[in-house]
Amino acid sequence: HPTVKRELEAKANGGGNIADLGGYFSEMKYFINCLENNEEPGQASAQSARDSLEIVLSEMKSADSGKIIEIE
């Protein structure tokens, strides 16, 4: 496999905002780590993807309504 010649690191002070680091920073870092350690990347289950979607949709609903949205 190819050798990664430089460390992947955040160049910006994100202040908690991942958008400042780039939307795929964590994914790229994880993938490069898998390459460097000859590990198979994990795969999200359908249930995990569904749960993530439920969280995002609830966040959007909360932001639009200004109300707390409960997730079970």
PDB file of N, CA and C in Angstrom:
ATOM      1  N   HIS A   1       0.841  -1.190   0.000  1.00  0.00           N
ATOM      2  CA  HIS A   1       0.000   0.000   0.000  1.00  0.00           C
ATOM      3  C   HIS A   1       0.877   1.241   0.000  1.00  0.00           C
ATOM      4  N   PRO A   2       0.340   2.378  -0.417  1.00  0.00           N
ATOM      5  CA  PRO A   2       1.139   3.603  -0.480  1.00  0.00           C
ATOM      6  C   PRO A   2       1.516   4.110   0.906  1.00  0.00           C
ATOM      7  N   THR A   3       2.624   4.800   0.963  1.00  0.00           N
ATOM      8  CA  THR A   3       3.075   5.403   2.208  1.00  0.00           C
ATOM      9  C   THR A   3       2.577   6.838   2.279  1.00  0.00           C
ATOM     10  N   VAL A   4       2.021   7.211   3.411  1.00  0.00           N
ATOM     11  CA  VAL A   4       1.580   8.586   3.621  1.00  0.00           C
ATOM     12  C   VAL A   4       2.791   9.366   4.103  1.00  0.00           C
ATOM     13  N   LYS A   5       3.148  10.418   3.371  1.00  0.00           N
ATOM     14  CA  LYS A   5       4.391  11.127   3.645  1.00  0.00           C
ATOM     15  C   LYS A   5       4.252  12.282   4.616  1.00  0.00           C
ATOM     16  N   ARG A   6       3.026  12.655   4.930  1.00  0.00           N
ATOM     17  CA  ARG A   6       2.865  13.745   5.893  1.00  0.00           C
ATOM     18  C   ARG A   6       1.675  13.453   6.786  1.00  0.00           C
ATOM     19  N   GLU A   7       1.750  13.970   7.981  1.00  0.00           N
ATOM     20  CA  GLU A   7       0.684  13.771   8.962  1.00  0.00           C
ATOM     21  C   GLU A   7      -0.518  14.623   8.582  1.00  0.00           C
ATOM     22  N   LEU A   8      -1.700  14.035   8.631  1.00  0.00           N
ATOM     23  CA  LEU A   8      -2.927  14.777   8.390  1.00  0.00           C
ATOM     24  C   LEU A   8      -3.294  15.493   9.676  1.00  0.00           C
ATOM     25  N   GLU A   9      -3.361  16.802   9.622  1.00  0.00           N
ATOM     26  CA  GLU A   9      -3.677  17.563  10.828  1.00  0.00           C
ATOM     27  C   GLU A   9      -4.545  18.757  10.492  1.00  0.00           C
ATOM     28  N   ALA A  10      -5.261  19.209  11.482  1.00  0.00           N
ATOM     29  CA  ALA A  10      -6.110  20.382  11.317  1.00  0.00           C
ATOM     30  C   ALA A  10      -5.231  21.620  11.253  1.00  0.00           C
ATOM     31  N   LYS A  11      -5.457  22.452  10.263  1.00  0.00           N
ATOM     32  CA  LYS A  11      -4.685  23.683  10.121  1.00  0.00           C
ATOM     33  C   LYS A  11      -5.383  24.883  10.749  1.00  0.00           C
ATOM     34  N   ALA A  12      -6.685  24.737  10.987  1.00  0.00           N
ATOM     35  CA  ALA A  12      -7.454  25.864  11.517  1.00  0.00           C
ATOM     36  C   ALA A  12      -7.851  25.594  12.959  1.00  0.00           C
ATOM     37  N   ASN A  13      -8.021  26.663  13.710  1.00  0.00           N
ATOM     38  CA  ASN A  13      -8.585  26.532  15.044  1.00  0.00           C
ATOM     39  C   ASN A  13     -10.088  26.453  14.865  1.00  0.00           C
ATOM     40  N   GLY A  14     -10.611  25.243  14.909  1.00  0.00           N
ATOM     41  CA  GLY A  14     -12.021  25.025  14.624  1.00  0.00           C
ATOM     42  C   GLY A  14     -12.953  25.593  15.664  1.00  0.00           C
ATOM     43  N   GLY A  15     -12.483  25.782  16.883  1.00  0.00           N
ATOM     44  CA  GLY A  15     -13.363  26.314  17.909  1.00  0.00           C
ATOM     45  C   GLY A  15     -14.612  25.465  18.084  1.00  0.00           C
ATOM     46  N   GLY A  16     -14.493  24.168  17.795  1.00  0.00           N
ATOM     47  CA  GLY A  16     -15.640  23.288  17.922  1.00  0.00           C
ATOM     48  C   GLY A  16     -16.451  23.163  16.652  1.00  0.00           C
ATOM     49  N   ASN A  17     -16.110  23.911  15.618  1.00  0.00           N
ATOM     50  CA  ASN A  17     -16.854  23.849  14.368  1.00  0.00           C
ATOM     51  C   ASN A  17     -16.083  23.002  13.370  1.00  0.00           C
ATOM     52  N   ILE A  18     -16.536  21.775  13.138  1.00  0.00           N
ATOM     53  CA  ILE A  18     -15.834  20.866  12.235  1.00  0.00           C
ATOM     54  C   ILE A  18     -15.790  21.415  10.814  1.00  0.00           C
ATOM     55  N   ALA A  19     -16.732  22.279  10.440  1.00  0.00           N
ATOM     56  CA  ALA A  19     -16.733  22.846   9.095  1.00  0.00           C
ATOM     57  C   ALA A  19     -15.451  23.617   8.824  1.00  0.00           C
ATOM     58  N   ASP A  20     -14.868  24.214   9.864  1.00  0.00           N
ATOM     59  CA  ASP A  20     -13.619  24.950   9.687  1.00  0.00           C
ATOM     60  C   ASP A  20     -12.454  24.010   9.378  1.00  0.00           C
ATOM     61  N   LEU A  21     -12.585  22.747   9.748  1.00  0.00           N
ATOM     62  CA  LEU A  21     -11.525  21.770   9.504  1.00  0.00           C
ATOM     63  C   LEU A  21     -11.723  21.054   8.177  1.00  0.00           C
ATOM     64  N   GLY A  22     -12.881  21.164   7.604  1.00  0.00           N
ATOM     65  CA  GLY A  22     -13.224  20.434   6.394  1.00  0.00           C
ATOM     66  C   GLY A  22     -14.168  19.310   6.771  1.00  0.00           C
ATOM     67  N   GLY A  23     -15.201  19.147   6.021  1.00  0.00           N
ATOM     68  CA  GLY A  23     -16.242  18.193   6.355  1.00  0.00           C
ATOM     69  C   GLY A  23     -15.796  16.750   6.443  1.00  0.00           C
ATOM     70  N   TYR A  24     -14.698  16.417   5.782  1.00  0.00           N
ATOM     71  CA  TYR A  24     -14.271  15.018   5.744  1.00  0.00           C
ATOM     72  C   TYR A  24     -12.970  14.779   6.492  1.00  0.00           C
ATOM     73  N   PHE A  25     -12.564  15.696   7.360  1.00  0.00           N
ATOM     74  CA  PHE A  25     -11.292  15.575   8.074  1.00  0.00           C
ATOM     75  C   PHE A  25     -11.198  14.263   8.844  1.00  0.00           C
ATOM     76  N   SER A  26     -12.193  13.961   9.655  1.00  0.00           N
ATOM     77  CA  SER A  26     -12.152  12.743  10.480  1.00  0.00           C
ATOM     78  C   SER A  26     -12.158  11.490   9.621  1.00  0.00           C
ATOM     79  N   GLU A  27     -12.953  11.502   8.548  1.00  0.00           N
ATOM     80  CA  GLU A  27     -13.016  10.345   7.671  1.00  0.00           C
ATOM     81  C   GLU A  27     -11.671  10.098   6.986  1.00  0.00           C
ATOM     82  N   MET A  28     -11.032  11.170   6.513  1.00  0.00           N
ATOM     83  CA  MET A  28      -9.729  11.021   5.850  1.00  0.00           C
ATOM     84  C   MET A  28      -8.684  10.518   6.831  1.00  0.00           C
ATOM     85  N   LYS A  29      -8.695  11.060   8.036  1.00  0.00           N
ATOM     86  CA  LYS A  29      -7.722  10.630   9.039  1.00  0.00           C
ATOM     87  C   LYS A  29      -7.918   9.148   9.373  1.00  0.00           C
ATOM     88  N   TYR A  30      -9.163   8.718   9.525  1.00  0.00           N
ATOM     89  CA  TYR A  30      -9.464   7.310   9.800  1.00  0.00           C
ATOM     90  C   TYR A  30      -8.986   6.417   8.648  1.00  0.00           C
ATOM     91  N   PHE A  31      -9.286   6.812   7.413  1.00  0.00           N
ATOM     92  CA  PHE A  31      -8.911   6.009   6.249  1.00  0.00           C
ATOM     93  C   PHE A  31      -7.394   5.903   6.119  1.00  0.00           C
ATOM     94  N   ILE A  32      -6.699   7.001   6.310  1.00  0.00           N
ATOM     95  CA  ILE A  32      -5.233   6.979   6.236  1.00  0.00           C
ATOM     96  C   ILE A  32      -4.666   6.084   7.330  1.00  0.00           C
ATOM     97  N   ASN A  33      -5.244   6.143   8.526  1.00  0.00           N
ATOM     98  CA  ASN A  33      -4.810   5.265   9.613  1.00  0.00           C
ATOM     99  C   ASN A  33      -4.994   3.793   9.226  1.00  0.00           C
ATOM    100  N   CYS A  34      -6.114   3.468   8.584  1.00  0.00           N
ATOM    101  CA  CYS A  34      -6.337   2.086   8.125  1.00  0.00           C
ATOM    102  C   CYS A  34      -5.267   1.676   7.120  1.00  0.00           C
ATOM    103  N   LEU A  35      -4.930   2.555   6.175  1.00  0.00           N
ATOM    104  CA  LEU A  35      -3.893   2.246   5.189  1.00  0.00           C
ATOM    105  C   LEU A  35      -2.546   2.016   5.856  1.00  0.00           C
ATOM    106  N   GLU A  36      -2.183   2.912   6.758  1.00  0.00           N
ATOM    107  CA  GLU A  36      -0.876   2.820   7.417  1.00  0.00           C
ATOM    108  C   GLU A  36      -0.744   1.562   8.274  1.00  0.00           C
ATOM    109  N   ASN A  37      -1.843   1.101   8.847  1.00  0.00           N
ATOM    110  CA  ASN A  37      -1.816  -0.049   9.749  1.00  0.00           C
ATOM    111  C   ASN A  37      -2.339  -1.332   9.102  1.00  0.00           C
ATOM    112  N   ASN A  38      -2.523  -1.271   7.773  1.00  0.00           N
ATOM    113  CA  ASN A  38      -2.990  -2.429   7.006  1.00  0.00           C
ATOM    114  C   ASN A  38      -4.259  -3.025   7.624  1.00  0.00           C
ATOM    115  N   GLU A  39      -5.206  -2.158   7.965  1.00  0.00           N
ATOM    116  CA  GLU A  39      -6.472  -2.577   8.570  1.00  0.00           C
ATOM    117  C   GLU A  39      -7.613  -2.375   7.582  1.00  0.00           C
ATOM    118  N   GLU A  40      -8.581  -3.242   7.665  1.00  0.00           N
ATOM    119  CA  GLU A  40      -9.778  -3.130   6.839  1.00  0.00           C
ATOM    120  C   GLU A  40     -10.669  -2.026   7.420  1.00  0.00           C
ATOM    121  N   PRO A  41     -11.097  -1.046   6.611  1.00  0.00           N
ATOM    122  CA  PRO A  41     -11.992  -0.008   7.137  1.00  0.00           C
ATOM    123  C   PRO A  41     -13.316  -0.624   7.602  1.00  0.00           C
ATOM    124  N   GLY A  42     -13.847  -0.109   8.685  1.00  0.00           N
ATOM    125  CA  GLY A  42     -15.129  -0.586   9.193  1.00  0.00           C
ATOM    126  C   GLY A  42     -16.267  -0.128   8.301  1.00  0.00           C
ATOM    127  N   GLN A  43     -17.386  -0.782   8.442  1.00  0.00           N
ATOM    128  CA  GLN A  43     -18.554  -0.435   7.643  1.00  0.00           C
ATOM    129  C   GLN A  43     -19.729  -0.201   8.582  1.00  0.00           C
ATOM    130  N   ALA A  44     -20.448   0.881   8.363  1.00  0.00           N
ATOM    131  CA  ALA A  44     -21.605   1.192   9.199  1.00  0.00           C
ATOM    132  C   ALA A  44     -22.752   0.250   8.858  1.00  0.00           C
ATOM    133  N   SER A  45     -23.461  -0.175   9.875  1.00  0.00           N
ATOM    134  CA  SER A  45     -24.633  -1.030   9.655  1.00  0.00           C
ATOM    135  C   SER A  45     -25.801  -0.168   9.180  1.00  0.00           C
ATOM    136  N   ALA A  46     -26.800  -0.817   8.636  1.00  0.00           N
ATOM    137  CA  ALA A  46     -28.001  -0.097   8.211  1.00  0.00           C
ATOM    138  C   ALA A  46     -28.653   0.597   9.407  1.00  0.00           C
ATOM    139  N   GLN A  47     -28.653  -0.061  10.559  1.00  0.00           N
ATOM    140  CA  GLN A  47     -29.249   0.536  11.765  1.00  0.00           C
ATOM    141  C   GLN A  47     -28.476   1.774  12.201  1.00  0.00           C
ATOM    142  N   SER A  48     -27.152   1.705  12.135  1.00  0.00           N
ATOM    143  CA  SER A  48     -26.325   2.856  12.502  1.00  0.00           C
ATOM    144  C   SER A  48     -26.590   4.033  11.561  1.00  0.00           C
ATOM    145  N   ALA A  49     -26.702   3.753  10.270  1.00  0.00           N
ATOM    146  CA  ALA A  49     -26.992   4.816   9.295  1.00  0.00           C
ATOM    147  C   ALA A  49     -28.368   5.423   9.555  1.00  0.00           C
ATOM    148  N   ARG A  50     -29.351   4.576   9.864  1.00  0.00           N
ATOM    149  CA  ARG A  50     -30.695   5.058  10.163  1.00  0.00           C
ATOM    150  C   ARG A  50     -30.699   5.935  11.408  1.00  0.00           C
ATOM    151  N   ASP A  51     -29.980   5.503  12.445  1.00  0.00           N
ATOM    152  CA  ASP A  51     -29.896   6.279  13.680  1.00  0.00           C
ATOM    153  C   ASP A  51     -29.239   7.636  13.435  1.00  0.00           C
ATOM    154  N   SER A  52     -28.189   7.651  12.623  1.00  0.00           N
ATOM    155  CA  SER A  52     -27.512   8.913  12.294  1.00  0.00           C
ATOM    156  C   SER A  52     -28.451   9.852  11.557  1.00  0.00           C
ATOM    157  N   LEU A  53     -29.209   9.310  10.618  1.00  0.00           N
ATOM    158  CA  LEU A  53     -30.164  10.121   9.867  1.00  0.00           C
ATOM    159  C   LEU A  53     -31.234  10.688  10.794  1.00  0.00           C
ATOM    160  N   GLU A  54     -31.714   9.877  11.726  1.00  0.00           N
ATOM    161  CA  GLU A  54     -32.719  10.350  12.683  1.00  0.00           C
ATOM    162  C   GLU A  54     -32.175  11.519  13.509  1.00  0.00           C
ATOM    163  N   ILE A  55     -30.924  11.430  13.917  1.00  0.00           N
ATOM    164  CA  ILE A  55     -30.306  12.510  14.697  1.00  0.00           C
ATOM    165  C   ILE A  55     -30.219  13.787  13.874  1.00  0.00           C
ATOM    166  N   VAL A  56     -29.743  13.673  12.639  1.00  0.00           N
ATOM    167  CA  VAL A  56     -29.591  14.859  11.783  1.00  0.00           C
ATOM    168  C   VAL A  56     -30.944  15.499  11.498  1.00  0.00           C
ATOM    169  N   LEU A  57     -31.940  14.690  11.173  1.00  0.00           N
ATOM    170  CA  LEU A  57     -33.268  15.247  10.901  1.00  0.00           C
ATOM    171  C   LEU A  57     -33.855  15.911  12.146  1.00  0.00           C
ATOM    172  N   SER A  58     -33.609  15.335  13.312  1.00  0.00           N
ATOM    173  CA  SER A  58     -34.076  15.942  14.567  1.00  0.00           C
ATOM    174  C   SER A  58     -33.351  17.251  14.853  1.00  0.00           C
ATOM    175  N   GLU A  59     -32.051  17.302  14.542  1.00  0.00           N
ATOM    176  CA  GLU A  59     -31.296  18.557  14.706  1.00  0.00           C
ATOM    177  C   GLU A  59     -31.885  19.650  13.828  1.00  0.00           C
ATOM    178  N   MET A  60     -32.191  19.306  12.584  1.00  0.00           N
ATOM    179  CA  MET A  60     -32.759  20.289  11.658  1.00  0.00           C
ATOM    180  C   MET A  60     -34.129  20.763  12.139  1.00  0.00           C
ATOM    181  N   LYS A  61     -34.946  19.821  12.600  1.00  0.00           N
ATOM    182  CA  LYS A  61     -36.277  20.172  13.103  1.00  0.00           C
ATOM    183  C   LYS A  61     -36.164  21.080  14.321  1.00  0.00           C
ATOM    184  N   SER A  62     -35.220  20.780  15.206  1.00  0.00           N
ATOM    185  CA  SER A  62     -35.006  21.600  16.397  1.00  0.00           C
ATOM    186  C   SER A  62     -34.541  23.008  16.014  1.00  0.00           C
ATOM    187  N   ALA A  63     -33.608  23.076  15.059  1.00  0.00           N
ATOM    188  CA  ALA A  63     -33.098  24.384  14.626  1.00  0.00           C
ATOM    189  C   ALA A  63     -34.204  25.219  13.993  1.00  0.00           C
ATOM    190  N   ASP A  64     -35.062  24.581  13.197  1.00  0.00           N
ATOM    191  CA  ASP A  64     -36.154  25.302  12.538  1.00  0.00           C
ATOM    192  C   ASP A  64     -37.230  25.763  13.516  1.00  0.00           C
ATOM    193  N   SER A  65     -37.523  24.929  14.518  1.00  0.00           N
ATOM    194  CA  SER A  65     -38.628  25.232  15.433  1.00  0.00           C
ATOM    195  C   SER A  65     -38.183  25.956  16.701  1.00  0.00           C
ATOM    196  N   GLY A  66     -36.878  25.866  17.020  1.00  0.00           N
ATOM    197  CA  GLY A  66     -36.387  26.449  18.258  1.00  0.00           C
ATOM    198  C   GLY A  66     -36.762  25.628  19.485  1.00  0.00           C
ATOM    199  N   LYS A  67     -37.233  24.400  19.252  1.00  0.00           N
ATOM    200  CA  LYS A  67     -37.665  23.533  20.349  1.00  0.00           C
ATOM    201  C   LYS A  67     -36.725  22.342  20.489  1.00  0.00           C
ATOM    202  N   ILE A  68     -36.718  21.767  21.691  1.00  0.00           N
ATOM    203  CA  ILE A  68     -35.953  20.547  21.934  1.00  0.00           C
ATOM    204  C   ILE A  68     -36.729  19.375  21.344  1.00  0.00           C
ATOM    205  N   ILE A  69     -36.056  18.564  20.569  1.00  0.00           N
ATOM    206  CA  ILE A  69     -36.670  17.385  19.964  1.00  0.00           C
ATOM    207  C   ILE A  69     -36.112  16.151  20.667  1.00  0.00           C
ATOM    208  N   GLU A  70     -36.991  15.367  21.237  1.00  0.00           N
ATOM    209  CA  GLU A  70     -36.581  14.144  21.936  1.00  0.00           C
ATOM    210  C   GLU A  70     -36.312  13.034  20.923  1.00  0.00           C
ATOM    211  N   ILE A  71     -35.258  12.276  21.169  1.00  0.00           N
ATOM    212  CA  ILE A  71     -34.933  11.110  20.349  1.00  0.00           C
ATOM    213  C   ILE A  71     -34.950   9.899  21.265  1.00  0.00           C
ATOM    214  N   GLU A  72     -35.654   8.865  20.840  1.00  0.00           N
ATOM    215  CA  GLU A  72     -35.733   7.651  21.665  1.00  0.00           C
ATOM    216  C   GLU A  72     -34.615   6.703  21.352  1.00  0.00           C
TER     217      GLU A  72
END
